[in-house]
Amino acid sequence: MILYFTAYDNAIRHRNYGQMMQGPEYVRPSIGTLGALGLRRMNMAAMPTTAYIMVGDRCSSNCAFCTQRRENPENERLSRVTWPRYPTEEIIRALKDGNDIFSRICFQTLDYGEVVEDTLYLSEKLNGIAPVSVSMVPISKARMLELRDAGVEHLSIALDAANPDIFEKIRGKTVGNRFTWEGNRRALRDSVEVFGKGNTHLIVGLGESDEDLIGTMIKLRDTGIYTALFAYTPVNGGSAPSTGRYRAIQLSHALIYREGFDSFEFEKGKISATYAPTETLEKAAKSAFLTSGCPGCNRPFYNEKPGDRFLYNYPYPVSEDTAKTGLKMAMDYIHSSQD
């Protein structure tokens, strides 16, 4: 038995299964999801194509960058998005009534003892409405199989950091968590065996180098794991990545995952060249700057406020001019000596 799974496996042993399957009293849909369901009146610059639902009230983990960390007294937001509490059954009814609104349902789960049981309950209740994705801390392969059998299609286990040292500083023992780089990587490998594919997140702007990000993405791709890219959102201090750097990493992501390309050069950790042909770069740029994630995920304004002139991740198709501008920004950064 792997020790970091113990808390979740013990939850089964010490709780009555019938009681576990009562489900959570409340869930926390994103404010955009509530707007799309008609439960909140609001003007939206982009409609979410996925229903995003947070599962859990307080997180027992303390990841340095996260607004949901246990040491944060105010936890209504995740990144820039607000997640109000709503009765679970009301949200289940709304999703069933509006089953043509979303192309996917995504559970963003917090770290707490009953997280798997609550997610199983919700997945079974909503099975058949839309494909289900789950973002969760590492769990055992047996628990992954339960989620798969309940209808979960994608399981994402976030790395967030692009190298082991930064992972330890922001997600490991340094901040009072039980997570390790190798433990999360092992869980990702297990998820590929169970689901036939794996998913993770990387955040740009935590102090990593371009070489860290691109090298890690190539290794993940080669083991069947897809990476969703986020820009660090400075809600807890620090600064967001520069626009040129983020566009360069997005372009590299598209080359790696969509074009199967992995020929890059670096100078002191910064990307300094890519030898992809011009036509390959132009093709990649048509989709490189969109939100990356599971199929149907557009995650509107997660990293920026509505009305911001620069969008890190576009939640809708971009024009040819926008794609060309993004490509120029990426290449200018790649060819620059300093960010």
Protein backbone atom coordinates (compact mmCIF):
# COMPACT_ATOMS: atom_id res chain seq x y z
CA MET A 1 0.00 0.00 0.00
CA ILE A 2 1.33 3.45 -0.91
CA LEU A 3 1.17 5.69 2.15
CA TYR A 4 -0.14 8.87 0.54
CA PHE A 5 -3.31 7.04 -0.50
CA THR A 6 -4.15 5.90 3.06
CA ALA A 7 -6.53 8.73 3.99
CA TYR A 8 -8.81 7.99 1.04
CA ASP A 9 -8.78 4.20 1.43
CA ASN A 10 -9.54 4.54 5.16
CA ALA A 11 -12.58 6.65 4.33
CA ILE A 12 -14.19 3.50 2.91
CA ARG A 13 -13.30 1.35 5.92
CA HIS A 14 -14.63 3.76 8.53
CA ARG A 15 -17.86 4.97 6.91
CA ASN A 16 -21.04 3.14 6.04
CA TYR A 17 -21.26 2.91 2.24
CA GLY A 18 -24.96 3.75 2.21
CA GLN A 19 -24.27 6.91 4.17
CA MET A 20 -21.34 7.81 1.94
CA MET A 21 -23.55 7.74 -1.11
CA GLN A 22 -25.88 10.40 0.32
CA GLY A 23 -23.70 12.91 -1.45
CA PRO A 24 -22.69 16.42 -0.38
CA GLU A 25 -25.37 18.84 0.80
CA TYR A 26 -23.86 21.67 -1.22
CA VAL A 27 -21.70 22.05 -4.30
CA ARG A 28 -20.04 25.19 -5.64
CA PRO A 29 -20.66 25.91 -9.34
CA SER A 30 -18.58 28.61 -10.96
CA ILE A 31 -20.40 31.90 -11.36
CA GLY A 32 -20.31 31.45 -15.16
CA THR A 33 -21.89 28.01 -14.86
CA LEU A 34 -24.72 29.49 -12.79
CA GLY A 35 -25.21 32.18 -15.42
CA ALA A 36 -25.40 29.61 -18.22
CA LEU A 37 -27.94 27.60 -16.22
CA GLY A 38 -30.08 30.69 -15.66
CA LEU A 39 -29.59 30.58 -11.88
CA ARG A 40 -27.80 33.94 -11.83
CA ARG A 41 -28.54 37.00 -13.95
CA MET A 42 -25.34 38.26 -15.46
CA ASN A 43 -23.79 39.57 -18.64
CA MET A 44 -21.15 37.20 -19.98
CA ALA A 45 -18.55 38.03 -22.60
CA ALA A 46 -18.11 34.28 -23.19
CA MET A 47 -20.42 31.44 -22.22
CA PRO A 48 -18.77 28.44 -20.56
CA THR A 49 -18.98 25.31 -22.71
CA THR A 50 -18.25 23.11 -19.68
CA ALA A 51 -20.16 23.10 -16.37
CA TYR A 52 -17.51 23.75 -13.72
CA ILE A 53 -18.47 22.54 -10.24
CA MET A 54 -16.29 22.69 -7.16
CA VAL A 55 -16.75 19.78 -4.76
CA GLY A 56 -15.89 20.43 -1.10
CA ASP A 57 -16.14 23.34 1.31
CA ARG A 58 -12.67 23.62 2.85
CA CYS A 59 -9.41 22.23 1.49
CA SER A 60 -7.01 20.43 3.82
CA SER A 61 -4.06 21.17 1.52
CA ASN A 62 -2.07 24.37 1.58
CA CYS A 63 -0.68 24.90 -1.94
CA ALA A 64 1.10 28.25 -1.94
CA PHE A 65 -0.50 29.69 -5.09
CA CYS A 66 -4.09 28.61 -4.40
CA THR A 67 -6.87 30.77 -2.99
CA GLN A 68 -8.54 27.61 -1.62
CA ARG A 69 -5.55 26.67 0.57
CA ARG A 70 -6.37 25.87 4.19
CA GLU A 71 -4.57 28.95 5.57
CA ASN A 72 -6.66 31.32 3.48
CA PRO A 73 -9.59 32.59 5.60
CA GLU A 74 -11.58 33.68 2.52
CA ASN A 75 -12.09 30.91 0.02
CA GLU A 76 -14.98 32.01 -2.19
CA ARG A 77 -12.68 32.30 -5.21
CA LEU A 78 -10.47 29.93 -7.14
CA SER A 79 -8.07 32.02 -9.19
CA ARG A 80 -10.26 34.95 -10.36
CA VAL A 81 -13.50 32.95 -10.46
CA THR A 82 -16.22 33.04 -7.78
CA TRP A 83 -17.79 29.71 -6.70
CA PRO A 84 -21.02 30.28 -4.71
CA ARG A 85 -22.54 27.47 -2.63
CA TYR A 86 -25.77 25.93 -3.96
CA PRO A 87 -27.82 22.92 -2.81
CA THR A 88 -26.57 19.84 -4.62
CA GLU A 89 -29.97 18.60 -5.72
CA GLU A 90 -30.85 22.00 -7.20
CA ILE A 91 -27.73 21.92 -9.36
CA ILE A 92 -28.34 18.30 -10.40
CA ARG A 93 -31.90 19.21 -11.48
CA ALA A 94 -30.69 22.28 -13.38
CA LEU A 95 -28.04 20.26 -15.24
CA LYS A 96 -30.58 17.59 -16.16
CA ASP A 97 -33.10 20.19 -17.33
CA GLY A 98 -30.44 21.98 -19.38
CA ASN A 99 -28.70 18.89 -20.72
CA ASP A 100 -27.95 20.54 -24.07
CA ILE A 101 -26.19 23.60 -22.57
CA PHE A 102 -22.82 22.04 -21.80
CA SER A 103 -20.61 19.65 -23.71
CA ARG A 104 -18.87 18.51 -20.50
CA ILE A 105 -19.17 18.53 -16.70
CA CYS A 106 -15.95 19.14 -14.75
CA PHE A 107 -15.65 18.56 -11.00
CA GLN A 108 -12.93 20.70 -9.44
CA THR A 109 -12.43 18.86 -6.16
CA LEU A 110 -10.86 20.08 -2.95
CA ASP A 111 -8.73 17.85 -0.74
CA TYR A 112 -10.84 16.37 2.08
CA GLY A 113 -11.61 12.90 3.43
CA GLU A 114 -14.86 12.15 1.58
CA VAL A 115 -13.91 13.68 -1.77
CA VAL A 116 -14.00 10.39 -3.69
CA GLU A 117 -17.37 9.34 -2.26
CA ASP A 118 -18.91 12.73 -3.01
CA THR A 119 -17.53 12.69 -6.54
CA LEU A 120 -18.80 9.15 -7.11
CA TYR A 121 -22.26 10.25 -6.02
CA LEU A 122 -22.29 13.25 -8.33
CA SER A 123 -20.85 11.31 -11.28
CA GLU A 124 -23.47 8.60 -11.00
CA LYS A 125 -26.29 11.14 -10.63
CA LEU A 126 -25.18 13.00 -13.76
CA ASN A 127 -24.05 10.02 -15.84
CA GLY A 128 -25.37 10.39 -19.38
CA ILE A 129 -25.98 14.16 -19.18
CA ALA A 130 -22.53 15.02 -20.56
CA PRO A 131 -19.02 13.53 -20.39
CA VAL A 132 -17.54 13.96 -16.91
CA SER A 133 -14.02 15.12 -16.03
CA VAL A 134 -12.58 15.24 -12.52
CA SER A 135 -9.60 17.17 -11.17
CA MET A 136 -8.39 15.52 -7.96
CA VAL A 137 -5.40 14.94 -5.70
CA PRO A 138 -3.58 11.58 -6.09
CA ILE A 139 -5.71 8.55 -5.19
CA SER A 140 -5.17 4.82 -5.44
CA LYS A 141 -5.71 2.89 -8.65
CA ALA A 142 -8.65 1.10 -7.01
CA ARG A 143 -10.37 4.41 -6.38
CA MET A 144 -9.65 5.50 -9.95
CA LEU A 145 -11.41 2.36 -11.17
CA GLU A 146 -14.46 3.30 -9.08
CA LEU A 147 -14.56 6.73 -10.68
CA ARG A 148 -14.21 5.23 -14.14
CA ASP A 149 -17.04 2.78 -13.46
CA ALA A 150 -19.22 5.68 -12.24
CA GLY A 151 -18.86 7.34 -15.65
CA VAL A 152 -15.82 9.59 -15.23
CA GLU A 153 -14.08 9.93 -18.60
CA HIS A 154 -11.05 12.10 -17.72
CA LEU A 155 -9.12 12.27 -14.45
CA SER A 156 -6.69 15.15 -14.00
CA ILE A 157 -3.99 15.10 -11.33
CA ALA A 158 -2.21 18.44 -11.26
CA LEU A 159 1.53 18.87 -11.15
CA ASP A 160 1.22 22.68 -11.40
CA ALA A 161 4.99 23.05 -11.02
CA ALA A 162 7.29 22.14 -13.91
CA ASN A 163 10.18 20.80 -11.85
CA PRO A 164 10.59 18.89 -8.55
CA ASP A 165 12.19 21.75 -6.60
CA ILE A 166 9.36 24.20 -7.30
CA PHE A 167 6.80 21.46 -6.66
CA GLU A 168 8.30 20.91 -3.18
CA LYS A 169 8.18 24.65 -2.43
CA ILE A 170 4.59 25.25 -3.50
CA ARG A 171 2.86 21.87 -3.07
CA GLY A 172 5.08 19.68 -0.90
CA LYS A 173 6.25 19.45 2.72
CA THR A 174 7.55 23.03 2.63
CA VAL A 175 3.94 24.28 2.78
CA GLY A 176 2.70 21.45 5.00
CA ASN A 177 1.32 19.13 2.31
CA ARG A 178 1.84 15.38 1.90
CA PHE A 179 2.32 15.55 -1.88
CA THR A 180 5.56 14.70 -3.67
CA TRP A 181 6.66 15.10 -7.26
CA GLU A 182 7.18 11.37 -7.66
CA GLY A 183 3.88 10.58 -5.98
CA ASN A 184 1.92 12.79 -8.37
CA ARG A 185 3.84 11.43 -11.35
CA ARG A 186 3.11 7.87 -10.21
CA ALA A 187 -0.59 8.67 -9.86
CA LEU A 188 -0.58 10.12 -13.38
CA ARG A 189 0.92 6.90 -14.73
CA ASP A 190 -1.80 4.94 -12.92
CA SER A 191 -4.47 7.16 -14.46
CA VAL A 192 -3.18 6.35 -17.95
CA GLU A 193 -3.54 2.63 -17.17
CA VAL A 194 -7.09 3.07 -15.83
CA PHE A 195 -8.51 5.66 -18.24
CA GLY A 196 -6.31 5.06 -21.28
CA LYS A 197 -5.07 8.65 -21.01
CA GLY A 198 -3.91 11.08 -18.37
CA ASN A 199 -4.38 14.79 -17.74
CA THR A 200 -2.46 17.31 -15.69
CA HIS A 201 -1.99 21.08 -15.24
CA LEU A 202 1.12 23.23 -15.45
CA ILE A 203 1.20 26.85 -14.30
CA VAL A 204 3.46 29.28 -16.14
CA GLY A 205 5.09 31.83 -13.85
CA LEU A 206 6.04 29.96 -10.66
CA GLY A 207 9.76 30.53 -11.12
CA GLU A 208 10.44 27.74 -13.60
CA SER A 209 12.47 28.06 -16.81
CA ASP A 210 11.09 27.64 -20.32
CA GLU A 211 13.23 24.52 -20.56
CA ASP A 212 11.52 23.10 -17.47
CA LEU A 213 8.07 23.65 -18.98
CA ILE A 214 8.82 22.41 -22.48
CA GLY A 215 10.90 19.44 -21.33
CA THR A 216 8.20 18.37 -18.86
CA MET A 217 5.47 18.66 -21.50
CA ILE A 218 7.45 16.46 -23.90
CA LYS A 219 7.95 13.81 -21.20
CA LEU A 220 4.28 13.92 -20.25
CA ARG A 221 3.15 13.67 -23.88
CA ASP A 222 5.40 10.66 -24.42
CA THR A 223 3.70 8.84 -21.52
CA GLY A 224 0.13 9.55 -22.68
CA ILE A 225 -0.53 12.58 -20.48
CA TYR A 226 -2.07 15.79 -21.79
CA THR A 227 -1.14 19.12 -20.20
CA ALA A 228 -3.51 22.03 -19.63
CA LEU A 229 -1.68 25.36 -19.40
CA PHE A 230 -2.50 28.10 -16.89
CA ALA A 231 -0.93 31.49 -16.36
CA TYR A 232 -0.03 32.23 -12.75
CA THR A 233 -2.68 34.56 -11.37
CA PRO A 234 -1.14 36.89 -8.74
CA VAL A 235 -3.97 36.78 -6.22
CA ASN A 236 -1.46 35.78 -3.49
CA GLY A 237 1.37 38.10 -4.54
CA GLY A 238 3.99 37.71 -7.23
CA SER A 239 3.43 38.61 -10.86
CA ALA A 240 1.81 37.03 -13.89
CA PRO A 241 4.05 35.80 -16.73
CA SER A 242 4.85 38.25 -19.50
CA THR A 243 2.52 38.13 -22.46
CA GLY A 244 5.29 37.22 -24.90
CA ARG A 245 6.57 34.40 -22.75
CA TYR A 246 3.09 32.91 -22.27
CA ARG A 247 2.42 33.02 -26.02
CA ALA A 248 5.77 31.26 -26.63
CA ILE A 249 4.91 28.49 -24.16
CA GLN A 250 1.42 28.14 -25.67
CA LEU A 251 2.93 27.86 -29.14
CA SER A 252 5.40 25.24 -27.88
CA HIS A 253 2.50 23.35 -26.28
CA ALA A 254 0.64 23.27 -29.59
CA LEU A 255 3.76 22.11 -31.45
CA ILE A 256 4.38 19.35 -28.89
CA TYR A 257 0.83 18.04 -28.59
CA ARG A 258 -0.76 18.78 -31.96
CA GLU A 259 2.19 18.57 -34.31
CA GLY A 260 4.34 15.98 -32.51
CA PHE A 261 7.26 18.40 -32.59
CA ASP A 262 10.03 18.49 -29.98
CA SER A 263 13.03 20.28 -31.50
CA PHE A 264 13.74 23.35 -29.38
CA GLU A 265 16.89 25.13 -28.27
CA PHE A 266 17.48 26.96 -24.98
CA GLU A 267 19.91 29.53 -23.68
CA LYS A 268 20.26 29.55 -19.89
CA GLY A 269 16.84 27.94 -19.62
CA LYS A 270 15.05 30.38 -21.95
CA ILE A 271 13.71 29.12 -25.27
CA SER A 272 15.90 30.60 -27.99
CA ALA A 273 14.91 28.68 -31.14
CA THR A 274 12.34 26.33 -32.60
CA TYR A 275 13.03 24.67 -35.92
CA ALA A 276 9.43 24.03 -36.90
CA PRO A 277 8.73 25.03 -40.53
CA THR A 278 6.83 28.27 -41.07
CA GLU A 279 3.72 26.45 -42.26
CA THR A 280 3.75 24.31 -39.09
CA LEU A 281 4.06 27.40 -36.89
CA GLU A 282 1.18 29.11 -38.68
CA LYS A 283 -0.97 26.00 -38.40
CA ALA A 284 -0.22 25.62 -34.68
CA ALA A 285 -1.00 29.31 -34.04
CA LYS A 286 -4.60 28.88 -35.20
CA SER A 287 -5.43 27.00 -31.99
CA ALA A 288 -2.40 27.53 -29.72
CA PHE A 289 -3.84 30.48 -27.81
CA LEU A 290 -7.18 28.90 -26.92
CA THR A 291 -7.87 27.41 -23.50
CA SER A 292 -6.19 24.03 -23.17
CA GLY A 293 -7.84 21.21 -21.25
CA CYS A 294 -10.29 18.37 -21.76
CA PRO A 295 -12.41 18.38 -24.94
CA GLY A 296 -15.07 21.09 -24.65
CA CYS A 297 -13.24 23.09 -21.96
CA ASN A 298 -13.02 26.84 -22.50
CA ARG A 299 -12.71 28.06 -18.87
CA PRO A 300 -13.64 31.73 -19.52
CA PHE A 301 -11.63 34.41 -17.70
CA TYR A 302 -9.98 32.06 -15.24
CA ASN A 303 -6.66 33.91 -15.55
CA GLU A 304 -7.91 37.39 -16.36
CA LYS A 305 -10.78 39.74 -15.63
CA PRO A 306 -13.54 40.22 -18.23
CA GLY A 307 -12.63 43.34 -20.16
CA ASP A 308 -8.88 42.77 -19.95
CA ARG A 309 -7.26 43.68 -23.26
CA PHE A 310 -4.92 40.69 -23.16
CA LEU A 311 -6.40 37.22 -22.75
CA TYR A 312 -3.94 34.55 -21.69
CA ASN A 313 -6.35 31.82 -22.83
CA TYR A 314 -9.05 32.61 -25.37
CA PRO A 315 -12.43 31.02 -24.52
CA TYR A 316 -13.61 31.27 -28.15
CA PRO A 317 -12.08 30.80 -31.63
CA VAL A 318 -9.64 33.53 -32.60
CA SER A 319 -9.50 35.46 -35.83
CA GLU A 320 -6.69 35.05 -38.33
CA ASP A 321 -5.30 38.44 -37.29
CA THR A 322 -5.32 37.45 -33.62
CA ALA A 323 -3.52 34.19 -34.43
CA LYS A 324 -0.89 36.11 -36.42
CA THR A 325 -0.43 38.62 -33.60
CA GLY A 326 -0.02 35.82 -31.06
CA LEU A 327 2.51 34.06 -33.28
CA LYS A 328 4.50 37.28 -33.68
CA MET A 329 4.52 37.82 -29.91
CA ALA A 330 5.75 34.26 -29.37
CA MET A 331 8.50 34.50 -31.98
CA ASP A 332 9.62 37.93 -30.76
CA TYR A 333 10.04 36.46 -27.30
CA ILE A 334 11.88 33.39 -28.61
CA HIS A 335 14.30 35.55 -30.59
CA SER A 336 14.87 38.06 -27.78
CA SER A 337 17.91 37.82 -25.53
CA GLN A 338 15.96 38.74 -22.39
CA ASP A 339 12.29 38.46 -21.42
